[in-house]
């Protein structure tokens, strides 16, 4: 279990353009994860 102030474990996720992004590649930058149900998107 992570505690406040712990580093997040590395993971990969697809961005909104379908590109694979790895958390470790963003080290030192501010990262915001925004999750929403795909069913609520247009199209």
C-alpha atoms as a PDB file:
ATOM      1  CA  UNK A   1       0.000   0.000   0.000  1.00  0.00           C
ATOM      2  CA  UNK A   2       1.325   3.427  -0.915  1.00  0.00           C
ATOM      3  CA  UNK A   3       1.538   6.117   1.719  1.00  0.00           C
ATOM      4  CA  UNK A   4       1.270   9.873   1.203  1.00  0.00           C
ATOM      5  CA  UNK A   5       4.529  11.079  -0.314  1.00  0.00           C
ATOM      6  CA  UNK A   6       5.495   7.688  -1.820  1.00  0.00           C
ATOM      7  CA  UNK A   7       6.494   7.577  -5.475  1.00  0.00           C
ATOM      8  CA  UNK A   8       3.887   6.001  -7.711  1.00  0.00           C
ATOM      9  CA  UNK A   9       4.887   2.662  -9.239  1.00  0.00           C
ATOM     10  CA  UNK A  10       5.745   2.743 -12.927  1.00  0.00           C
ATOM     11  CA  UNK A  11       2.902   1.948 -15.330  1.00  0.00           C
ATOM     12  CA  UNK A  12       1.916   2.386 -18.975  1.00  0.00           C
ATOM     13  CA  UNK A  13      -1.325   3.809 -20.323  1.00  0.00           C
ATOM     14  CA  UNK A  14      -2.700   4.933 -23.691  1.00  0.00           C
ATOM     15  CA  UNK A  15      -3.205   8.691 -24.082  1.00  0.00           C
ATOM     16  CA  UNK A  16      -6.192  10.283 -25.843  1.00  0.00           C
ATOM     17  CA  UNK A  17      -4.449   9.826 -29.210  1.00  0.00           C
ATOM     18  CA  UNK A  18      -3.753   6.131 -28.618  1.00  0.00           C
ATOM     19  CA  UNK A  19      -0.033   6.640 -27.916  1.00  0.00           C
ATOM     20  CA  UNK A  20       1.517   4.511 -25.189  1.00  0.00           C
ATOM     21  CA  UNK A  21       2.839   6.662 -22.298  1.00  0.00           C
ATOM     22  CA  UNK A  22       5.047   5.362 -19.502  1.00  0.00           C
ATOM     23  CA  UNK A  23       5.108   7.121 -16.139  1.00  0.00           C
ATOM     24  CA  UNK A  24       8.887   6.721 -15.845  1.00  0.00           C
ATOM     25  CA  UNK A  25       9.302   8.753 -19.059  1.00  0.00           C
ATOM     26  CA  UNK A  26       7.575  11.701 -17.355  1.00  0.00           C
ATOM     27  CA  UNK A  27       9.706  11.740 -14.198  1.00  0.00           C
ATOM     28  CA  UNK A  28      10.264  15.310 -12.987  1.00  0.00           C
ATOM     29  CA  UNK A  29       7.131  16.608 -14.719  1.00  0.00           C
ATOM     30  CA  UNK A  30       3.691  17.265 -13.298  1.00  0.00           C
ATOM     31  CA  UNK A  31       1.358  14.403 -14.231  1.00  0.00           C
ATOM     32  CA  UNK A  32      -2.439  14.500 -14.023  1.00  0.00           C
ATOM     33  CA  UNK A  33      -4.473  11.354 -14.671  1.00  0.00           C
ATOM     34  CA  UNK A  34      -8.056  11.927 -15.705  1.00  0.00           C
ATOM     35  CA  UNK A  35     -10.289   8.875 -15.894  1.00  0.00           C
ATOM     36  CA  UNK A  36     -13.781   8.949 -17.356  1.00  0.00           C
ATOM     37  CA  UNK A  37     -16.119   6.320 -18.755  1.00  0.00           C
ATOM     38  CA  UNK A  38     -15.817   5.910 -22.496  1.00  0.00           C
ATOM     39  CA  UNK A  39     -19.612   5.602 -22.664  1.00  0.00           C
ATOM     40  CA  UNK A  40     -19.896   9.286 -21.687  1.00  0.00           C
ATOM     41  CA  UNK A  41     -17.860  10.505 -24.667  1.00  0.00           C
ATOM     42  CA  UNK A  42     -19.410  11.655 -27.929  1.00  0.00           C
ATOM     43  CA  UNK A  43     -19.408   9.214 -30.819  1.00  0.00           C
END
